[in-house]
């Protein structure tokens, strides 16, 4: 045909190549999304396991009552990188490490006030808060009430 069909052949080949490339790219993207989903699922499991270890150390062993406790003291005790410990706490609780530890301390103060009927000032020091203002701020953040409001509500219900 003396090259009369060359344009059609090249055009069809280009379209076929483009379609093939789009199909391959789509399959590659689907595979990557699947890998990312699997990685996220595995990371969720890993975060849950890290959180179980954190809770074992902090709650069961009452390590949260260490007045010098911080991320740099928690991570080595768990033999984990600080970033993993921080990530697990952030994802599970929505709080940073300091807020998480302070929430455990507030829960301890509440338990002491309720069960042992100690006064609020005693509970501040028993739950290892360094200052009354920090205790009050964290107590309100965790319970939504001031320590006095919480005590009066809790002890009046029990009476």
C-alpha atoms as a PDB file:
ATOM      1  CA  UNK A   1       0.000   0.000   0.000  1.00  0.00           C
ATOM      2  CA  UNK A   2       3.058   2.170  -0.139  1.00  0.00           C
ATOM      3  CA  UNK A   3       2.705   3.418   3.453  1.00  0.00           C
ATOM      4  CA  UNK A   4      -0.859   4.613   3.065  1.00  0.00           C
ATOM      5  CA  UNK A   5      -1.964   2.714   6.217  1.00  0.00           C
ATOM      6  CA  UNK A   6       1.028   3.689   8.333  1.00  0.00           C
ATOM      7  CA  UNK A   7      -0.889   6.409  10.178  1.00  0.00           C
ATOM      8  CA  UNK A   8      -3.713   4.029  11.070  1.00  0.00           C
ATOM      9  CA  UNK A   9      -1.328   1.314  12.201  1.00  0.00           C
ATOM     10  CA  UNK A  10       0.711   3.691  14.351  1.00  0.00           C
ATOM     11  CA  UNK A  11      -2.465   5.265  15.777  1.00  0.00           C
ATOM     12  CA  UNK A  12      -3.977   1.888  16.672  1.00  0.00           C
ATOM     13  CA  UNK A  13      -0.706   0.722  18.184  1.00  0.00           C
ATOM     14  CA  UNK A  14      -0.532   3.879  20.288  1.00  0.00           C
ATOM     15  CA  UNK A  15      -4.102   3.440  21.518  1.00  0.00           C
ATOM     16  CA  UNK A  16      -3.458  -0.246  22.299  1.00  0.00           C
ATOM     17  CA  UNK A  17      -0.284   0.674  24.161  1.00  0.00           C
ATOM     18  CA  UNK A  18      -2.093   3.366  26.124  1.00  0.00           C
ATOM     19  CA  UNK A  19      -4.948   1.006  27.075  1.00  0.00           C
ATOM     20  CA  UNK A  20      -2.443  -1.674  28.095  1.00  0.00           C
ATOM     21  CA  UNK A  21      -0.521   0.828  30.180  1.00  0.00           C
ATOM     22  CA  UNK A  22      -3.721   1.995  31.921  1.00  0.00           C
ATOM     23  CA  UNK A  23      -4.713  -1.596  32.702  1.00  0.00           C
ATOM     24  CA  UNK A  24      -1.276  -2.385  34.116  1.00  0.00           C
ATOM     25  CA  UNK A  25      -1.231   0.854  36.128  1.00  0.00           C
ATOM     26  CA  UNK A  26      -4.700   0.089  37.482  1.00  0.00           C
ATOM     27  CA  UNK A  27      -3.653  -3.409  38.531  1.00  0.00           C
ATOM     28  CA  UNK A  28      -0.473  -2.045  40.095  1.00  0.00           C
ATOM     29  CA  UNK A  29      -2.491   0.562  42.008  1.00  0.00           C
ATOM     30  CA  UNK A  30      -4.926  -2.091  43.215  1.00  0.00           C
ATOM     31  CA  UNK A  31      -2.028  -4.258  44.372  1.00  0.00           C
ATOM     32  CA  UNK A  32      -0.449  -1.301  46.217  1.00  0.00           C
ATOM     33  CA  UNK A  33      -3.774  -0.429  47.905  1.00  0.00           C
ATOM     34  CA  UNK A  34      -4.091  -4.050  49.014  1.00  0.00           C
ATOM     35  CA  UNK A  35      -0.525  -4.020  50.372  1.00  0.00           C
ATOM     36  CA  UNK A  36      -1.173  -0.756  52.236  1.00  0.00           C
ATOM     37  CA  UNK A  37      -4.411  -2.144  53.711  1.00  0.00           C
ATOM     38  CA  UNK A  38      -2.616  -5.309  54.813  1.00  0.00           C
ATOM     39  CA  UNK A  39       0.222  -3.236  56.283  1.00  0.00           C
ATOM     40  CA  UNK A  40      -2.316  -1.045  58.147  1.00  0.00           C
ATOM     41  CA  UNK A  41      -4.089  -4.140  59.500  1.00  0.00           C
ATOM     42  CA  UNK A  42      -0.768  -5.579  60.657  1.00  0.00           C
ATOM     43  CA  UNK A  43       0.212  -2.219  62.195  1.00  0.00           C
ATOM     44  CA  UNK A  44      -3.113  -2.105  64.081  1.00  0.00           C
ATOM     45  CA  UNK A  45      -2.369  -5.544  65.539  1.00  0.00           C
ATOM     46  CA  UNK A  46       1.151  -4.440  66.448  1.00  0.00           C
ATOM     47  CA  UNK A  47      -0.199  -1.249  68.092  1.00  0.00           C
ATOM     48  CA  UNK A  48      -2.680  -3.314  70.129  1.00  0.00           C
ATOM     49  CA  UNK A  49       0.118  -5.613  71.286  1.00  0.00           C
ATOM     50  CA  UNK A  50       2.276  -2.632  72.232  1.00  0.00           C
ATOM     51  CA  UNK A  51      -0.645  -1.102  74.141  1.00  0.00           C
ATOM     52  CA  UNK A  52      -1.167  -4.374  76.037  1.00  0.00           C
ATOM     53  CA  UNK A  53       2.491  -4.291  77.056  1.00  0.00           C
ATOM     54  CA  UNK A  54       2.228  -0.628  78.045  1.00  0.00           C
ATOM     55  CA  UNK A  55      -0.850  -1.304  80.159  1.00  0.00           C
ATOM     56  CA  UNK A  56       0.850  -4.297  81.759  1.00  0.00           C
ATOM     57  CA  UNK A  57       3.747  -2.102  82.820  1.00  0.00           C
ATOM     58  CA  UNK A  58       1.891   1.067  83.731  1.00  0.00           C
ATOM     59  CA  UNK A  59      -1.357  -0.275  85.177  1.00  0.00           C
ATOM     60  CA  UNK A  60      -0.661  -3.760  86.465  1.00  0.00           C
ATOM     61  CA  UNK A  61       2.762  -2.874  87.866  1.00  0.00           C
ATOM     62  CA  UNK A  62       1.552   0.656  88.846  1.00  0.00           C
ATOM     63  CA  UNK A  63       4.568   2.164  87.106  1.00  0.00           C
ATOM     64  CA  UNK A  64       2.392   5.237  86.415  1.00  0.00           C
ATOM     65  CA  UNK A  65       3.038   6.225  90.057  1.00  0.00           C
ATOM     66  CA  UNK A  66       6.716   6.854  89.318  1.00  0.00           C
ATOM     67  CA  UNK A  67       6.958  10.645  89.719  1.00  0.00           C
ATOM     68  CA  UNK A  68       9.692  10.884  87.067  1.00  0.00           C
ATOM     69  CA  UNK A  69       7.823   8.840  84.491  1.00  0.00           C
ATOM     70  CA  UNK A  70       8.001   9.927  80.864  1.00  0.00           C
ATOM     71  CA  UNK A  71       8.250   8.361  77.412  1.00  0.00           C
ATOM     72  CA  UNK A  72      12.019   8.010  77.694  1.00  0.00           C
ATOM     73  CA  UNK A  73      11.578   5.869  80.822  1.00  0.00           C
ATOM     74  CA  UNK A  74       8.676   3.786  79.485  1.00  0.00           C
ATOM     75  CA  UNK A  75      10.180   2.745  76.135  1.00  0.00           C
ATOM     76  CA  UNK A  76      13.375   1.124  77.501  1.00  0.00           C
ATOM     77  CA  UNK A  77      11.374  -0.795  80.115  1.00  0.00           C
ATOM     78  CA  UNK A  78       9.361  -2.296  77.254  1.00  0.00           C
ATOM     79  CA  UNK A  79      12.426  -2.709  75.015  1.00  0.00           C
ATOM     80  CA  UNK A  80      10.606  -0.735  72.315  1.00  0.00           C
ATOM     81  CA  UNK A  81      11.436   2.423  70.395  1.00  0.00           C
ATOM     82  CA  UNK A  82       9.877   5.567  71.879  1.00  0.00           C
ATOM     83  CA  UNK A  83       8.105   6.243  68.589  1.00  0.00           C
ATOM     84  CA  UNK A  84       6.226   2.894  68.778  1.00  0.00           C
ATOM     85  CA  UNK A  85       5.132   3.480  72.354  1.00  0.00           C
ATOM     86  CA  UNK A  86       3.978   7.001  71.555  1.00  0.00           C
ATOM     87  CA  UNK A  87       2.150   5.887  68.404  1.00  0.00           C
ATOM     88  CA  UNK A  88       0.281   3.081  70.180  1.00  0.00           C
ATOM     89  CA  UNK A  89      -0.876   5.383  72.975  1.00  0.00           C
ATOM     90  CA  UNK A  90      -1.869   8.159  70.558  1.00  0.00           C
ATOM     91  CA  UNK A  91      -3.881   5.836  68.322  1.00  0.00           C
ATOM     92  CA  UNK A  92      -5.568   3.921  71.129  1.00  0.00           C
ATOM     93  CA  UNK A  93      -6.428   6.811  73.439  1.00  0.00           C
ATOM     94  CA  UNK A  94      -6.249   9.973  71.368  1.00  0.00           C
ATOM     95  CA  UNK A  95      -3.897  11.351  74.030  1.00  0.00           C
ATOM     96  CA  UNK A  96      -0.181  11.863  74.158  1.00  0.00           C
ATOM     97  CA  UNK A  97       1.929   9.878  76.627  1.00  0.00           C
ATOM     98  CA  UNK A  98       1.819  12.572  79.310  1.00  0.00           C
ATOM     99  CA  UNK A  99      -1.972  12.883  79.095  1.00  0.00           C
ATOM    100  CA  UNK A 100      -2.337   9.093  79.211  1.00  0.00           C
ATOM    101  CA  UNK A 101      -0.152   8.805  82.320  1.00  0.00           C
ATOM    102  CA  UNK A 102      -1.967  11.713  83.974  1.00  0.00           C
ATOM    103  CA  UNK A 103      -5.323  10.061  83.236  1.00  0.00           C
ATOM    104  CA  UNK A 104      -4.109   6.946  85.067  1.00  0.00           C
ATOM    105  CA  UNK A 105      -3.015   9.129  87.971  1.00  0.00           C
ATOM    106  CA  UNK A 106      -6.399  10.876  88.084  1.00  0.00           C
ATOM    107  CA  UNK A 107      -8.114   7.474  88.123  1.00  0.00           C
ATOM    108  CA  UNK A 108      -5.893   6.521  91.059  1.00  0.00           C
ATOM    109  CA  UNK A 109      -6.791   9.738  92.885  1.00  0.00           C
ATOM    110  CA  UNK A 110     -10.479   9.017  92.293  1.00  0.00           C
ATOM    111  CA  UNK A 111     -10.097   5.487  93.606  1.00  0.00           C
ATOM    112  CA  UNK A 112      -8.294   6.731  96.720  1.00  0.00           C
ATOM    113  CA  UNK A 113     -10.906   9.408  97.420  1.00  0.00           C
ATOM    114  CA  UNK A 114     -13.777   6.980  96.900  1.00  0.00           C
ATOM    115  CA  UNK A 115     -12.435   3.836  98.579  1.00  0.00           C
ATOM    116  CA  UNK A 116     -10.210   5.281 101.295  1.00  0.00           C
ATOM    117  CA  UNK A 117     -12.101   8.526 101.723  1.00  0.00           C
ATOM    118  CA  UNK A 118      -8.894  10.528 101.817  1.00  0.00           C
ATOM    119  CA  UNK A 119      -9.104  14.228 101.198  1.00  0.00           C
ATOM    120  CA  UNK A 120      -8.276  15.808  97.867  1.00  0.00           C
ATOM    121  CA  UNK A 121      -4.916  17.209  98.988  1.00  0.00           C
ATOM    122  CA  UNK A 122      -3.785  13.774 100.159  1.00  0.00           C
ATOM    123  CA  UNK A 123      -4.901  12.277  96.848  1.00  0.00           C
ATOM    124  CA  UNK A 124      -2.803  14.832  94.922  1.00  0.00           C
ATOM    125  CA  UNK A 125       0.394  13.583  96.505  1.00  0.00           C
ATOM    126  CA  UNK A 126      -0.638   9.913  96.623  1.00  0.00           C
ATOM    127  CA  UNK A 127      -1.233  10.003  92.876  1.00  0.00           C
ATOM    128  CA  UNK A 128       2.177  11.735  92.380  1.00  0.00           C
ATOM    129  CA  UNK A 129       1.054  15.030  90.909  1.00  0.00           C
ATOM    130  CA  UNK A 130       3.698  17.655  91.564  1.00  0.00           C
ATOM    131  CA  UNK A 131       1.372  20.633  91.874  1.00  0.00           C
ATOM    132  CA  UNK A 132      -2.220  21.254  92.838  1.00  0.00           C
ATOM    133  CA  UNK A 133      -2.816  23.304  89.682  1.00  0.00           C
ATOM    134  CA  UNK A 134      -1.591  20.491  87.429  1.00  0.00           C
ATOM    135  CA  UNK A 135      -3.742  18.010  89.345  1.00  0.00           C
ATOM    136  CA  UNK A 136      -6.840  20.224  89.055  1.00  0.00           C
ATOM    137  CA  UNK A 137      -6.301  20.857  85.337  1.00  0.00           C
ATOM    138  CA  UNK A 138      -5.801  17.151  84.563  1.00  0.00           C
ATOM    139  CA  UNK A 139      -8.677  16.116  86.826  1.00  0.00           C
ATOM    140  CA  UNK A 140     -11.085  18.368  84.919  1.00  0.00           C
ATOM    141  CA  UNK A 141      -9.699  17.159  81.579  1.00  0.00           C
ATOM    142  CA  UNK A 142     -10.225  13.513  82.533  1.00  0.00           C
ATOM    143  CA  UNK A 143     -13.476  13.623  84.528  1.00  0.00           C
ATOM    144  CA  UNK A 144     -15.118  16.810  83.286  1.00  0.00           C
ATOM    145  CA  UNK A 145     -15.519  17.922  86.913  1.00  0.00           C
ATOM    146  CA  UNK A 146     -13.388  19.631  89.524  1.00  0.00           C
ATOM    147  CA  UNK A 147     -12.064  17.324  92.243  1.00  0.00           C
ATOM    148  CA  UNK A 148     -14.545  18.756  94.767  1.00  0.00           C
ATOM    149  CA  UNK A 149     -17.495  18.360  92.390  1.00  0.00           C
ATOM    150  CA  UNK A 150     -16.457  14.782  91.625  1.00  0.00           C
ATOM    151  CA  UNK A 151     -15.978  13.920  95.320  1.00  0.00           C
ATOM    152  CA  UNK A 152     -19.306  15.431  96.367  1.00  0.00           C
ATOM    153  CA  UNK A 153     -21.174  13.684  93.547  1.00  0.00           C
ATOM    154  CA  UNK A 154     -19.484  10.322  94.098  1.00  0.00           C
ATOM    155  CA  UNK A 155     -19.663  10.231  97.885  1.00  0.00           C
ATOM    156  CA  UNK A 156     -23.271  11.491  98.010  1.00  0.00           C
ATOM    157  CA  UNK A 157     -24.361   8.722  95.631  1.00  0.00           C
ATOM    158  CA  UNK A 158     -22.636   6.083  97.745  1.00  0.00           C
ATOM    159  CA  UNK A 159     -24.054   7.377 101.059  1.00  0.00           C
END
